[in-house]
Amino acid sequence: RHITNHDACVSVLLEGLCCCSGTNHQYDAHDEYSLHEIMNGKKDAFPGLIPLVHNYLDLLECYGEPRIMLNQYLTLISHRASG
């Protein structure tokens, strides 16, 4: 789907990845996160930057050779963040 409004784009990107429902937050804004948790996510608390990038690439309909190269790079980053 083609989205021209930035706010709508962010809303669609985060759809299904939100760590809260309504006003009941499931995380503490002051929690400490490791690099692994920031990049790859923390179960039921934070989706992770790499999964967000993958969802954004899906939203842009990025496929083929560019996506293969980006997936390889994102996998490398994910593994490096994991130690």
Protein backbone atom coordinates (compact mmCIF):
# COMPACT_ATOMS: atom_id res chain seq x y z
CA ARG A 1 0.00 0.00 0.00
CA HIS A 2 1.19 3.49 -0.81
CA ILE A 3 1.15 5.97 2.07
CA THR A 4 1.90 9.66 1.61
CA ASN A 5 1.33 10.92 5.16
CA HIS A 6 4.34 10.43 7.48
CA ASP A 7 2.23 9.88 10.62
CA ALA A 8 0.14 7.26 8.84
CA CYS A 9 3.33 5.59 7.64
CA VAL A 10 4.70 5.35 11.18
CA SER A 11 1.34 4.10 12.42
CA VAL A 12 1.26 1.33 9.83
CA LEU A 13 4.89 0.48 10.47
CA LEU A 14 4.29 0.01 14.18
CA GLU A 15 1.00 -1.82 13.67
CA GLY A 16 1.24 -5.12 15.50
CA LEU A 17 4.53 -4.18 17.12
CA CYS A 18 3.23 -1.84 19.79
CA CYS A 19 4.44 -2.72 23.26
CA CYS A 20 1.37 -1.35 24.99
CA SER A 21 -2.38 -1.53 24.76
CA GLY A 22 -4.28 1.67 25.45
CA THR A 23 -2.78 3.34 28.49
CA ASN A 24 -1.52 0.12 30.12
CA HIS A 25 2.18 0.17 29.31
CA GLN A 26 3.99 -3.14 29.64
CA TYR A 27 7.41 -1.60 30.05
CA ASP A 28 9.16 0.91 32.24
CA ALA A 29 10.59 3.87 30.34
CA HIS A 30 13.62 3.65 32.62
CA ASP A 31 14.42 -0.01 31.98
CA GLU A 32 17.96 -0.76 30.91
CA TYR A 33 18.37 -2.53 27.60
CA SER A 34 21.41 -4.28 26.22
CA LEU A 35 22.54 -3.55 22.68
CA HIS A 36 21.11 -6.95 21.72
CA GLU A 37 17.68 -6.00 23.12
CA ILE A 38 17.69 -2.61 21.41
CA MET A 39 18.60 -4.05 18.03
CA ASN A 40 16.75 -7.39 18.13
CA GLY A 41 13.96 -6.67 20.60
CA LYS A 42 12.94 -7.69 24.07
CA LYS A 43 10.04 -10.12 24.31
CA ASP A 44 6.74 -8.37 25.13
CA ALA A 45 8.53 -5.07 25.82
CA PHE A 46 10.23 -3.64 22.74
CA PRO A 47 10.07 -4.84 19.13
CA GLY A 48 13.70 -4.01 18.30
CA LEU A 49 15.13 -1.75 15.62
CA ILE A 50 15.98 -4.51 13.15
CA PRO A 51 12.43 -5.93 13.07
CA LEU A 52 11.16 -2.36 12.58
CA VAL A 53 13.51 -1.91 9.63
CA HIS A 54 12.29 -5.20 8.13
CA ASN A 55 8.69 -4.03 8.49
CA TYR A 56 9.58 -0.69 6.91
CA LEU A 57 11.21 -2.45 3.96
CA ASP A 58 8.06 -4.57 3.58
CA LEU A 59 5.99 -1.38 3.63
CA LEU A 60 8.16 0.08 0.88
CA GLU A 61 7.79 -3.19 -1.02
CA CYS A 62 11.55 -3.55 -1.20
CA TYR A 63 12.21 -6.90 -2.87
CA GLY A 64 14.75 -8.57 -5.12
CA GLU A 65 18.48 -7.94 -5.06
CA PRO A 66 18.34 -4.76 -2.91
CA ARG A 67 16.36 -6.63 -0.24
CA ILE A 68 18.75 -9.58 -0.29
CA MET A 69 21.69 -7.24 0.27
CA LEU A 70 19.87 -5.36 3.05
CA ASN A 71 18.84 -8.63 4.73
CA GLN A 72 22.47 -9.80 4.74
CA TYR A 73 23.58 -6.52 6.30
CA LEU A 74 20.77 -6.56 8.89
CA THR A 75 21.63 -10.15 9.78
CA LEU A 76 25.25 -9.14 10.30
CA ILE A 77 24.20 -6.27 12.57
CA SER A 78 21.85 -8.57 14.48
CA HIS A 79 24.61 -11.12 15.06
CA ARG A 80 27.10 -8.45 16.10
CA ALA A 81 24.60 -7.03 18.58
CA SER A 82 24.06 -10.52 20.02
CA GLY A 83 27.75 -10.84 20.78
